[in-house]
Amino acid sequence: HLLHLLTFLERCVIKLNVNVDVMELLMATLQADSTKSSDSDFVANLSRKDITDKILLVNGLLACLVTYLESDDDNASNEFAARVMASLLQAQPMLLFGSGSCDEDLIDAGRTLYGRLLVLSCQQVLQSDEKVGCKLFPLVVQMIL
């Protein structure tokens, strides 16, 4: 059911304007540590389940954000792209997308979506503020490689 919900969210993320909520859920999922959360916490409970579920959730959230950034070119989108880029640069996705944690196709899809979102956000930051974008560009390249 979660995959159907994420597919629906990906298609309507532009109309619903829930991009900030999607980004916050993505970061909470990437940084989830089950030892620091309560039993009622959604993200902590998800991290205790099969890692495949967590990777599917992250992939769906990444796809939603890619869809949003590809479709919107206004000033608010540029500010959001800067936030996305900063958050993704601080995240440690390789802890989740490490080899052998689940099906390699899911891991590869997640790595691809992560890189694509990082490139899209960097592109928008470069267009809106070239000086800041040029400073962060080497970090983006390093994270992708």
Protein backbone atom coordinates (compact mmCIF):
# COMPACT_ATOMS: atom_id res chain seq x y z
CA HIS A 1 0.00 0.00 0.00
CA LEU A 2 2.90 2.32 0.71
CA LEU A 3 4.18 2.03 -2.86
CA HIS A 4 0.76 2.96 -4.25
CA LEU A 5 0.61 5.97 -1.95
CA LEU A 6 4.09 7.11 -2.96
CA THR A 7 3.26 6.71 -6.65
CA PHE A 8 0.14 8.83 -6.12
CA LEU A 9 2.18 11.39 -4.19
CA GLU A 10 4.79 11.54 -6.95
CA ARG A 11 2.10 12.37 -9.49
CA CYS A 12 0.39 15.05 -7.43
CA VAL A 13 3.28 16.56 -5.44
CA ILE A 14 3.18 19.63 -7.68
CA LYS A 15 -0.50 20.34 -7.02
CA LEU A 16 -0.50 19.52 -3.30
CA ASN A 17 2.52 21.68 -2.43
CA VAL A 18 3.80 19.18 0.13
CA ASN A 19 7.40 19.29 -1.02
CA VAL A 20 8.74 20.44 2.37
CA ASP A 21 6.92 17.62 4.17
CA VAL A 22 8.28 15.07 1.70
CA MET A 23 11.81 16.40 2.22
CA GLU A 24 11.49 16.25 6.00
CA LEU A 25 10.22 12.66 5.86
CA LEU A 26 13.08 11.73 3.52
CA MET A 27 15.70 13.17 5.86
CA ALA A 28 14.12 11.54 8.90
CA THR A 29 14.12 8.20 7.09
CA LEU A 30 17.74 8.55 5.97
CA GLN A 31 18.85 9.47 9.47
CA ALA A 32 16.64 7.06 11.39
CA ASP A 33 18.31 5.35 14.30
CA SER A 34 16.03 2.88 16.06
CA THR A 35 17.93 3.12 19.36
CA LYS A 36 17.08 6.82 19.79
CA SER A 37 13.37 6.70 18.96
CA SER A 38 10.27 5.54 20.73
CA ASP A 39 8.15 2.55 19.74
CA SER A 40 5.38 4.83 18.47
CA ASP A 41 7.70 6.64 16.02
CA PHE A 42 6.84 5.71 12.41
CA VAL A 43 10.38 6.10 11.11
CA ALA A 44 11.92 4.11 13.98
CA ASN A 45 9.47 1.27 13.48
CA LEU A 46 10.21 1.28 9.77
CA SER A 47 13.94 1.02 10.42
CA ARG A 48 13.37 -2.12 12.49
CA LYS A 49 11.63 -3.84 9.61
CA ASP A 50 13.20 -5.28 6.53
CA ILE A 51 15.66 -2.82 4.97
CA THR A 52 13.88 -3.32 1.64
CA ASP A 53 10.84 -1.43 2.93
CA LYS A 54 13.03 1.47 3.99
CA ILE A 55 14.79 1.61 0.62
CA LEU A 56 11.46 1.50 -1.21
CA LEU A 57 10.22 4.41 0.90
CA VAL A 58 13.39 6.46 0.31
CA ASN A 59 13.25 5.74 -3.43
CA GLY A 60 9.61 6.86 -3.57
CA LEU A 61 10.35 10.06 -1.67
CA LEU A 62 13.36 10.81 -3.88
CA ALA A 63 11.18 10.29 -6.98
CA CYS A 64 8.58 12.74 -5.58
CA LEU A 65 11.23 15.41 -5.06
CA VAL A 66 12.73 14.84 -8.52
CA THR A 67 9.28 15.29 -10.03
CA TYR A 68 8.77 18.52 -8.12
CA LEU A 69 12.12 20.03 -9.07
CA GLU A 70 11.77 19.04 -12.72
CA SER A 71 8.36 20.65 -13.04
CA ASP A 72 8.74 23.96 -11.25
CA ASP A 73 11.03 26.86 -12.19
CA ASP A 74 9.83 29.70 -9.99
CA ASN A 75 11.74 31.51 -7.25
CA ALA A 76 10.25 29.41 -4.44
CA SER A 77 11.48 26.31 -6.22
CA ASN A 78 15.01 27.75 -6.32
CA GLU A 79 14.94 28.31 -2.56
CA PHE A 80 13.63 24.79 -2.04
CA ALA A 81 16.33 23.40 -4.34
CA ALA A 82 18.97 25.03 -2.15
CA ARG A 83 17.44 23.39 0.91
CA VAL A 84 17.30 20.02 -0.86
CA MET A 85 20.93 20.28 -1.92
CA ALA A 86 22.10 21.25 1.57
CA SER A 87 20.13 18.42 3.16
CA LEU A 88 21.35 15.83 0.66
CA LEU A 89 24.96 16.91 1.13
CA GLN A 90 24.60 16.43 4.89
CA ALA A 91 22.85 13.08 4.61
CA GLN A 92 24.78 9.83 4.55
CA PRO A 93 22.87 7.81 1.96
CA MET A 94 25.57 5.17 1.59
CA LEU A 95 24.64 3.86 5.02
CA LEU A 96 21.30 2.94 3.46
CA PHE A 97 22.41 2.24 -0.11
CA GLY A 98 25.35 0.03 0.84
CA SER A 99 25.87 -3.08 -1.27
CA GLY A 100 24.32 -6.26 0.02
CA SER A 101 21.66 -4.65 2.18
CA CYS A 102 18.88 -5.76 -0.20
CA ASP A 103 18.16 -6.30 -3.89
CA GLU A 104 20.86 -4.62 -6.01
CA ASP A 105 18.28 -3.21 -8.44
CA LEU A 106 16.59 -1.28 -5.61
CA ILE A 107 19.93 -0.01 -4.37
CA ASP A 108 20.97 1.09 -7.86
CA ALA A 109 17.63 2.83 -8.39
CA GLY A 110 18.04 4.68 -5.10
CA ARG A 111 21.58 5.74 -5.90
CA THR A 112 20.45 6.97 -9.31
CA LEU A 113 17.53 8.94 -7.87
CA TYR A 114 19.78 10.43 -5.18
CA GLY A 115 22.32 11.56 -7.77
CA ARG A 116 19.63 12.89 -10.09
CA LEU A 117 18.03 14.91 -7.29
CA LEU A 118 21.41 16.27 -6.25
CA VAL A 119 22.21 17.33 -9.83
CA LEU A 120 18.78 18.94 -10.31
CA SER A 121 19.03 20.90 -7.09
CA CYS A 122 22.59 21.98 -7.90
CA GLN A 123 21.51 23.10 -11.36
CA GLN A 124 18.76 25.29 -9.92
CA VAL A 125 21.09 26.74 -7.30
CA LEU A 126 23.65 27.56 -10.00
CA GLN A 127 20.95 29.34 -12.00
CA SER A 128 19.67 31.37 -9.06
CA ASP A 129 22.94 32.12 -7.25
CA GLU A 130 25.99 31.28 -9.30
CA LYS A 131 28.51 32.21 -6.61
CA VAL A 132 27.03 29.85 -4.00
CA GLY A 133 26.43 27.15 -6.59
CA CYS A 134 30.06 27.23 -7.71
CA LYS A 135 31.23 26.84 -4.12
CA LEU A 136 29.01 23.80 -3.56
CA PHE A 137 29.49 22.18 -6.95
CA PRO A 138 32.67 20.24 -5.94
CA LEU A 139 30.80 18.75 -2.97
CA VAL A 140 27.97 17.66 -5.24
CA VAL A 141 30.41 15.96 -7.62
CA GLN A 142 32.14 14.26 -4.69
CA MET A 143 28.83 12.93 -3.30
CA ILE A 144 27.79 11.59 -6.69
CA LEU A 145 31.10 9.81 -7.24
